[in-house]
């Protein structure tokens, strides 16, 4: 017998009213474990926004619920206001900037693959950090990776750490 899934209902006004005025971030998200979609209602405070990034995995539907701002998609700017509806295709560079009244957006996309349990292939060990090869006296960076003394003032450099 298949389990009956519960529908999820909320009001945007109720969500906004339940959160402190100066609080930003996700006000709501879908929670059902067996869902096919992800959805988030996100508040951005006035003047905030993230640096441009590329979403490679999923297309994202963006709906502006309140406030305003700017969307930059692959370098093209669009003014955001309530009712704006846009598809942000995977592989595009995007950035949001909230206007003076802030920005309230609903994002909807296919659910991303979750983490799986299993064995991973070990990554190559990281290269040793060369930061310790900076002279504490004259602040010159050693040219050679295996330097033992500063080439500028002759001060002994710290021992090279191994991981």
Protein backbone atom coordinates (compact mmCIF):
# COMPACT_ATOMS: atom_id res chain seq x y z
CA UNK A 1 0.00 0.00 0.00
CA UNK A 2 1.39 3.40 -1.00
CA UNK A 3 1.61 6.07 1.71
CA UNK A 4 -0.53 9.17 1.20
CA UNK A 5 1.52 12.35 0.98
CA UNK A 6 0.40 15.45 2.81
CA UNK A 7 -0.07 18.73 0.91
CA UNK A 8 1.75 21.78 2.22
CA UNK A 9 -0.07 25.12 2.46
CA UNK A 10 1.16 28.47 3.80
CA UNK A 11 0.53 32.14 3.14
CA UNK A 12 3.31 34.53 2.20
CA UNK A 13 1.84 37.22 4.47
CA UNK A 14 1.85 34.78 7.40
CA UNK A 15 5.45 33.79 6.77
CA UNK A 16 6.65 37.38 6.53
CA UNK A 17 4.71 38.41 9.65
CA UNK A 18 6.24 35.54 11.65
CA UNK A 19 9.82 36.66 11.01
CA UNK A 20 11.59 39.59 12.64
CA UNK A 21 11.80 42.70 10.46
CA UNK A 22 15.60 42.74 10.16
CA UNK A 23 15.96 39.02 9.54
CA UNK A 24 16.99 37.67 6.15
CA UNK A 25 17.39 34.25 4.58
CA UNK A 26 14.99 31.41 3.94
CA UNK A 27 11.61 32.10 5.56
CA UNK A 28 10.12 28.85 4.26
CA UNK A 29 11.07 25.73 2.31
CA UNK A 30 9.39 22.52 1.25
CA UNK A 31 10.08 19.79 3.78
CA UNK A 32 8.49 16.52 2.55
CA UNK A 33 11.18 13.85 2.21
CA UNK A 34 9.80 12.23 -0.95
CA UNK A 35 9.19 15.43 -2.93
CA UNK A 36 10.38 16.03 -6.51
CA UNK A 37 10.67 19.80 -6.14
CA UNK A 38 12.58 22.19 -3.92
CA UNK A 39 11.06 25.57 -3.16
CA UNK A 40 12.27 28.41 -0.92
CA UNK A 41 10.85 31.76 0.08
CA UNK A 42 13.88 33.98 0.68
CA UNK A 43 14.13 37.51 2.08
CA UNK A 44 17.07 39.71 1.09
CA UNK A 45 17.59 42.84 3.19
CA UNK A 46 17.91 46.24 1.45
CA UNK A 47 21.13 46.61 -0.50
CA UNK A 48 22.20 43.00 -0.03
CA UNK A 49 22.93 40.44 -2.66
CA UNK A 50 25.41 37.83 -3.55
CA UNK A 51 28.25 37.85 -5.99
CA UNK A 52 27.50 36.35 -9.38
CA UNK A 53 27.63 32.57 -9.46
CA UNK A 54 26.79 29.80 -11.92
CA UNK A 55 24.21 27.14 -11.07
CA UNK A 56 25.26 24.10 -13.12
CA UNK A 57 22.80 21.52 -11.85
CA UNK A 58 19.20 22.81 -12.09
CA UNK A 59 17.03 25.39 -13.85
CA UNK A 60 15.48 27.78 -11.30
CA UNK A 61 12.10 29.51 -11.51
CA UNK A 62 12.22 32.88 -9.71
CA UNK A 63 9.08 34.73 -8.60
CA UNK A 64 9.32 38.15 -6.93
CA UNK A 65 6.76 38.23 -4.11
CA UNK A 66 7.66 41.58 -2.54
CA UNK A 67 10.11 44.45 -2.65
CA UNK A 68 12.37 45.02 -5.60
CA UNK A 69 15.88 44.90 -6.90
CA UNK A 70 18.01 43.83 -9.83
CA UNK A 71 18.72 40.44 -11.41
CA UNK A 72 21.89 40.14 -13.48
CA UNK A 73 21.72 37.07 -15.70
CA UNK A 74 24.77 36.43 -17.90
CA UNK A 75 25.54 40.17 -17.72
CA UNK A 76 22.01 41.35 -18.69
CA UNK A 77 20.20 43.32 -15.97
CA UNK A 78 16.47 43.08 -15.23
CA UNK A 79 14.52 45.24 -12.76
CA UNK A 80 12.71 43.12 -10.21
CA UNK A 81 9.30 44.03 -8.81
CA UNK A 82 6.39 42.03 -7.39
CA UNK A 83 4.97 39.72 -10.02
CA UNK A 84 8.26 39.29 -11.91
CA UNK A 85 8.53 35.69 -13.06
CA UNK A 86 11.67 34.35 -14.69
CA UNK A 87 13.41 31.15 -15.61
CA UNK A 88 17.11 31.11 -14.74
CA UNK A 89 18.56 28.33 -16.93
CA UNK A 90 21.26 26.09 -15.47
CA UNK A 91 24.71 27.10 -16.62
CA UNK A 92 23.97 30.83 -16.50
CA UNK A 93 25.71 33.35 -14.28
CA UNK A 94 23.26 35.09 -11.95
CA UNK A 95 23.29 37.64 -9.16
CA UNK A 96 20.50 39.31 -7.17
CA UNK A 97 20.74 42.75 -5.59
CA UNK A 98 17.94 43.86 -3.27
CA UNK A 99 16.63 47.40 -3.66
CA UNK A 100 15.98 49.91 -0.84
CA UNK A 101 12.83 48.08 0.30
CA UNK A 102 14.50 44.65 0.29
CA UNK A 103 13.54 41.70 -1.87
CA UNK A 104 11.28 38.71 -1.22
CA UNK A 105 11.60 35.90 -3.78
CA UNK A 106 10.21 32.42 -4.24
CA UNK A 107 12.56 29.98 -6.00
CA UNK A 108 11.42 26.62 -7.36
CA UNK A 109 13.56 23.94 -8.99
CA UNK A 110 13.96 20.19 -9.32
CA UNK A 111 15.23 18.63 -6.16
CA UNK A 112 18.98 18.27 -6.23
CA UNK A 113 20.61 14.93 -5.79
CA UNK A 114 21.33 14.23 -2.16
CA UNK A 115 24.56 12.99 -0.74
CA UNK A 116 25.03 9.26 -1.02
CA UNK A 117 26.76 7.02 1.43
CA UNK A 118 29.63 5.07 0.02
CA UNK A 119 33.35 5.01 -0.45
CA UNK A 120 34.96 7.96 -2.07
CA UNK A 121 38.17 7.97 -3.98
CA UNK A 122 40.86 9.63 -1.91
CA UNK A 123 41.86 13.07 -3.13
CA UNK A 124 45.46 13.89 -3.84
CA UNK A 125 47.16 15.25 -0.74
CA UNK A 126 47.21 19.05 -0.71
CA UNK A 127 50.38 20.88 -1.60
CA UNK A 128 52.22 22.11 1.50
CA UNK A 129 51.43 25.69 2.33
CA UNK A 130 54.30 28.07 1.58
CA UNK A 131 52.99 30.72 3.98
CA UNK A 132 55.46 29.69 6.67
CA UNK A 133 58.27 30.59 4.28
CA UNK A 134 57.72 34.30 4.89
CA UNK A 135 60.49 35.91 6.88
CA UNK A 136 59.27 37.07 10.27
CA UNK A 137 61.83 39.90 10.31
CA UNK A 138 61.64 41.52 6.86
CA UNK A 139 58.41 39.83 5.61
CA UNK A 140 60.05 38.71 2.36
CA UNK A 141 58.65 35.53 0.82
CA UNK A 142 61.23 32.81 0.20
CA UNK A 143 61.82 32.07 -3.47
CA UNK A 144 62.76 28.42 -3.04
CA UNK A 145 60.23 25.97 -1.61
CA UNK A 146 62.95 24.37 0.52
CA UNK A 147 64.60 27.61 1.69
CA UNK A 148 65.97 27.56 5.22
CA UNK A 149 67.12 31.20 5.44
CA UNK A 150 65.68 34.47 4.17
CA UNK A 151 67.37 35.60 0.95
CA UNK A 152 66.89 39.25 2.00
CA UNK A 153 68.17 39.45 5.57
CA UNK A 154 69.53 35.97 6.30
CA UNK A 155 67.14 35.21 9.18
CA UNK A 156 66.39 31.52 9.71
CA UNK A 157 62.93 30.60 8.38
CA UNK A 158 60.53 28.43 10.40
CA UNK A 159 60.80 24.67 9.97
CA UNK A 160 58.73 23.37 7.05
CA UNK A 161 55.61 21.63 8.36
CA UNK A 162 54.49 18.37 6.83
CA UNK A 163 50.96 17.07 6.89
